C-alpha cells in the first residue's frame, strides 16, 4: 500500500462578540451633572475568547435627539461590576430636560480583524436601546411687583399687576398646568398700636385674594395698623 502524508491546518477563527441590552428610564429628581446607568449585560468577546479578547472590547453607536444631552456627550463603556462584564452609559442632561433618545447600531468589537470569508468576526450584531427621562414637575414661581400700603378701615383694595413673571415651571410638559395662589401665613413686623396679625387677612373681617392674572384684592380686618409680612404660596 502507498502512504501519503497530509498536512491539515486548522485556522483559528474569531468568534463574534455579543451582548444584551435593556432600556433606561431616568428619574429627574435624582439629577446630577454626570450620571451613569447599565444598559447591557452578558457581554462576551466570543465563545471561549473572553480570556484573550475581553480586555480590548469597546462600543460604537449612534443616537438621535442630541439636544437632550449636554457636554460631555454620551459614552458607552465596557466595565466589570459585581464580577460581571456590563455595558455602562455615561451621560449629562439639562436639569429640566424631558423626552427620550434611541441608541441604535450599537456594536461591540474586539481587537481582532474582521475576516468574514474565513468565519472570523470582530464585531457583534448591532443592538439598540431606548433612553428616556420621566416628565418632571418643576415648581411654579412669581415675582411680587411692590409692597402694598393701605389705610386702616379703608375697605377692599385692588392692585392690578401685583404678581409678575408668573411661571408654571420650567419643564417642557407644564404648559397645560394652571397656577393658583393662596395665603400661607401673616406675621407682625411692627405696630405702634399693638395690633395682632391673627385674622388680619382672613374671613370674616379680612380678605386676601391673588388671582391668576396677577391682580391682588385685600381687606385688612378693622382697626389694625402696622407692618406685616405676608407669605403667599403658589402651586400648580
Protein backbone atom coordinates (compact mmCIF):
# COMPACT_ATOMS: atom_id res chain seq x y z
CA UNK A 1 0.00 0.00 0.00
CA UNK A 2 1.03 3.58 -0.64
CA UNK A 3 1.09 6.02 2.27
CA UNK A 4 0.55 9.74 1.81
CA UNK A 5 1.30 12.24 4.47
CA UNK A 6 -1.23 15.08 4.59
CA UNK A 7 -0.78 18.30 6.42
CA UNK A 8 -4.01 19.71 7.87
CA UNK A 9 -4.08 23.29 9.05
CA UNK A 10 -6.86 24.38 11.41
CA UNK A 11 -7.38 28.10 11.02
CA UNK A 12 -8.20 29.98 14.18
CA UNK A 13 -11.39 31.97 13.71
CA UNK A 14 -12.53 34.89 15.80
CA UNK A 15 -15.93 34.31 17.35
CA UNK A 16 -18.43 37.13 17.20
CA UNK A 17 -18.79 39.25 20.40
CA UNK A 18 -22.29 39.52 21.85
CA UNK A 19 -24.36 41.41 24.43
CA UNK A 20 -27.95 42.04 25.52
CA UNK A 21 -29.44 45.49 26.08
CA UNK A 22 -32.09 46.90 28.41
CA UNK A 23 -33.99 50.18 28.13
CA UNK A 24 -33.19 53.03 30.53
CA UNK A 25 -35.59 55.47 32.22
CA UNK A 26 -34.03 58.27 34.27
CA UNK A 27 -35.74 59.93 37.23
CA UNK A 28 -35.12 63.70 37.04
CA UNK A 29 -35.43 64.03 40.82
CA UNK A 30 -32.07 62.21 41.08
CA UNK A 31 -30.36 64.57 38.60
CA UNK A 32 -26.59 65.03 38.77
CA UNK A 33 -24.23 66.81 36.36
CA UNK A 34 -22.81 63.47 35.16
CA UNK A 35 -24.79 60.25 35.52
CA UNK A 36 -24.41 56.60 34.61
CA UNK A 37 -26.59 53.55 34.06
CA UNK A 38 -26.10 49.95 32.97
CA UNK A 39 -27.60 49.35 29.51
CA UNK A 40 -26.09 45.96 28.54
CA UNK A 41 -25.50 42.59 30.19
CA UNK A 42 -23.95 39.28 29.19
CA UNK A 43 -21.01 40.85 27.37
CA UNK A 44 -18.64 38.34 25.82
CA UNK A 45 -15.76 38.65 23.38
CA UNK A 46 -16.96 35.46 21.71
CA UNK A 47 -17.35 31.82 22.68
CA UNK A 48 -14.21 30.72 24.52
CA UNK A 49 -12.40 34.00 23.85
CA UNK A 50 -13.02 36.14 26.94
CA UNK A 51 -9.57 35.42 28.41
CA UNK A 52 -7.83 36.66 25.27
CA UNK A 53 -10.05 39.37 23.76
CA UNK A 54 -12.13 40.80 26.63
CA UNK A 55 -9.63 43.49 27.60
CA UNK A 56 -9.98 45.14 24.21
CA UNK A 57 -13.79 45.25 23.94
CA UNK A 58 -15.33 48.59 23.01
CA UNK A 59 -18.64 50.01 21.75
CA UNK A 60 -19.51 52.08 18.71
CA UNK A 61 -23.00 53.57 18.44
CA UNK A 62 -25.36 56.20 17.07
CA UNK A 63 -28.20 58.08 18.78
CA UNK A 64 -30.92 60.58 17.92
CA UNK A 65 -32.28 63.67 19.69
CA UNK A 66 -28.83 65.04 20.57
CA UNK A 67 -30.50 68.16 22.01
CA UNK A 68 -31.42 66.05 25.04
CA UNK A 69 -27.78 65.90 26.13
CA UNK A 70 -25.17 68.47 27.11
CA UNK A 71 -21.39 68.17 27.05
CA UNK A 72 -19.66 65.90 27.71
CA UNK A 73 -21.60 63.78 25.21
CA UNK A 74 -22.79 60.22 25.98
CA UNK A 75 -20.19 57.45 26.28
CA UNK A 76 -20.75 53.67 26.20
CA UNK A 77 -18.09 51.78 28.13
CA UNK A 78 -17.31 48.15 28.95
CA UNK A 79 -16.83 47.64 32.69
CA UNK A 80 -16.75 44.79 35.20
CA UNK A 81 -19.23 45.18 38.04
CA UNK A 82 -20.02 42.52 40.61
CA UNK A 83 -17.82 40.07 38.72
CA UNK A 84 -19.88 40.51 35.53
CA UNK A 85 -18.93 42.34 32.35
CA UNK A 86 -21.56 45.01 31.56
CA UNK A 87 -22.12 47.98 29.28
CA UNK A 88 -22.41 51.35 31.06
CA UNK A 89 -23.65 54.62 29.58
CA UNK A 90 -22.25 57.87 30.96
CA UNK A 91 -24.35 60.92 30.14
CA UNK A 92 -25.14 64.52 31.01
CA UNK A 93 -28.52 66.20 30.52
CA UNK A 94 -30.04 69.55 31.27
CA UNK A 95 -31.59 69.57 34.76
CA UNK A 96 -35.08 70.23 33.36
CA UNK A 97 -34.76 68.00 30.29
CA UNK A 98 -37.57 65.60 29.36
CA UNK A 99 -38.03 63.25 26.45
CA UNK A 100 -36.06 60.37 25.04
CA UNK A 101 -33.41 59.17 22.62
CA UNK A 102 -32.90 55.97 20.63
CA UNK A 103 -29.42 54.50 20.84
CA UNK A 104 -29.02 52.34 17.73
CA UNK A 105 -26.44 50.44 15.69
CA UNK A 106 -24.63 49.61 18.92
CA UNK A 107 -21.75 47.30 18.03
CA UNK A 108 -19.41 45.56 20.47
CA UNK A 109 -15.98 44.96 18.91
CA UNK A 110 -12.84 43.14 19.99
CA UNK A 111 -9.27 43.74 18.80
CA UNK A 112 -9.16 41.05 16.09
CA UNK A 113 -9.67 41.65 12.39
CA UNK A 114 -12.95 41.04 10.58
CA UNK A 115 -12.48 38.20 8.05
CA UNK A 116 -15.96 37.00 7.07
CA UNK A 117 -14.52 34.82 4.31
CA UNK A 118 -12.88 32.54 6.88
CA UNK A 119 -15.62 32.94 9.51
CA UNK A 120 -13.87 35.47 11.72
CA UNK A 121 -15.95 38.33 13.13
CA UNK A 122 -14.60 41.08 15.36
CA UNK A 123 -17.94 42.90 15.54
CA UNK A 124 -21.17 41.88 17.26
CA UNK A 125 -24.54 42.02 15.64
CA UNK A 126 -25.99 45.53 16.17
CA UNK A 127 -28.21 46.22 19.17
CA UNK A 128 -30.26 49.14 20.42
CA UNK A 129 -31.96 50.54 23.50
CA UNK A 130 -34.17 53.50 24.36
CA UNK A 131 -33.12 56.22 26.79
CA UNK A 132 -35.92 58.18 28.46
CA UNK A 133 -36.32 60.88 31.10
CA UNK A 134 -39.52 60.97 33.12
CA UNK A 135 -41.57 64.14 32.93
CA UNK A 136 -40.81 66.33 35.91
CA UNK A 137 -42.99 68.90 37.61
CA UNK A 138 -40.86 71.91 38.49
CA UNK A 139 -42.09 74.46 40.98
CA UNK A 140 -44.12 77.43 39.71
CA UNK A 141 -42.97 80.90 40.63
CA UNK A 142 -43.80 84.60 40.50
CA UNK A 143 -42.29 87.95 41.42
CA UNK A 144 -44.32 90.47 43.51
CA UNK A 145 -44.12 93.93 41.98
CA UNK A 146 -44.00 96.00 45.15
CA UNK A 147 -45.02 96.30 48.80
CA UNK A 148 -48.66 97.25 49.40
CA UNK A 149 -49.79 100.14 51.59
CA UNK A 150 -53.44 100.64 52.56
CA UNK A 151 -55.21 102.86 55.05
CA UNK A 152 -56.82 101.49 58.18
CA UNK A 153 -60.53 100.64 57.73
CA UNK A 154 -60.33 101.53 54.02
CA UNK A 155 -62.26 98.52 52.74
CA UNK A 156 -61.24 96.40 49.78
CA UNK A 157 -58.13 97.47 47.82
CA UNK A 158 -57.45 96.17 44.30
CA UNK A 159 -53.88 96.15 42.97
CA UNK A 160 -53.55 95.17 39.31
CA UNK A 161 -50.27 93.67 38.14
CA UNK A 162 -49.13 92.85 41.66
CA UNK A 163 -47.83 89.38 40.71
CA UNK A 164 -45.45 89.46 37.72
CA UNK A 165 -43.37 86.89 35.83
CA UNK A 166 -45.87 84.17 36.71
CA UNK A 167 -44.37 80.84 35.63
CA UNK A 168 -45.96 77.37 35.60
CA UNK A 169 -42.49 75.82 35.91
CA UNK A 170 -39.53 75.31 33.61
CA UNK A 171 -40.34 71.79 32.41
CA UNK A 172 -41.33 71.25 28.77
CA UNK A 173 -44.58 69.49 29.70
CA UNK A 174 -46.03 72.13 32.01
CA UNK A 175 -47.75 74.48 29.57
CA UNK A 176 -51.18 72.92 30.26
CA UNK A 177 -50.96 73.41 34.03
CA UNK A 178 -52.84 76.06 35.99
CA UNK A 179 -51.26 78.23 38.67
CA UNK A 180 -53.14 79.23 41.83
CA UNK A 181 -52.17 81.45 44.77
CA UNK A 182 -53.07 81.04 48.42
CA UNK A 183 -52.32 82.84 51.65
CA UNK A 184 -49.82 80.84 53.70
CA UNK A 185 -49.24 83.00 56.77
CA UNK A 186 -49.19 86.57 58.11
CA UNK A 187 -46.53 87.78 60.53
CA UNK A 188 -46.47 91.02 62.51
CA UNK A 189 -43.26 93.00 61.98
CA UNK A 190 -44.11 96.17 63.90
CA UNK A 191 -47.17 98.04 65.22
CA UNK A 192 -47.42 101.26 67.21
CA UNK A 193 -50.89 100.32 68.43
CA UNK A 194 -50.24 96.73 69.45
CA UNK A 195 -52.20 95.22 66.57
CA UNK A 196 -52.13 91.47 66.03
CA UNK A 197 -51.60 89.50 62.83
CA UNK A 198 -54.25 86.97 63.85
CA UNK A 199 -57.10 87.03 61.34
CA UNK A 200 -55.71 90.14 59.65
CA UNK A 201 -56.49 88.92 56.13
CA UNK A 202 -58.84 86.04 56.91
CA UNK A 203 -62.65 85.91 56.91
CA UNK A 204 -64.94 87.11 58.23
CA UNK A 205 -63.32 90.55 58.53
CA UNK A 206 -60.19 90.12 56.45
CA UNK A 207 -59.80 89.30 52.75
CA UNK A 208 -56.85 88.20 50.63
CA UNK A 209 -57.19 87.06 47.01
CA UNK A 210 -54.42 86.87 44.43
CA UNK A 211 -55.76 85.92 41.02
CA UNK A 212 -54.13 84.02 38.17
CA UNK A 213 -53.72 87.21 36.16
CA UNK A 214 -51.64 88.76 38.96
CA UNK A 215 -54.36 91.04 40.38
CA UNK A 216 -54.43 91.36 44.18
CA UNK A 217 -57.54 92.16 46.26
CA UNK A 218 -57.20 92.54 50.02
CA UNK A 219 -59.00 94.00 53.01
CA UNK A 220 -57.32 94.01 56.43
CA UNK A 221 -59.52 93.40 59.42
CA UNK A 222 -60.89 96.56 61.03
CA UNK A 223 -58.84 98.68 63.41
CA UNK A 224 -55.50 97.08 62.58
CA UNK A 225 -52.35 99.03 61.72
CA UNK A 226 -48.67 98.28 61.41
CA UNK A 227 -46.26 96.47 59.11
CA UNK A 228 -46.98 92.84 58.32
CA UNK A 229 -45.13 90.17 56.37
CA UNK A 230 -47.50 88.16 54.16
CA UNK A 231 -46.34 84.76 52.89
CA UNK A 232 -48.04 83.65 49.66
CA UNK A 233 -47.89 80.11 48.26
CA UNK A 234 -48.12 79.42 44.53
CA UNK A 235 -48.87 75.94 43.24
CA UNK A 236 -49.88 74.25 40.00
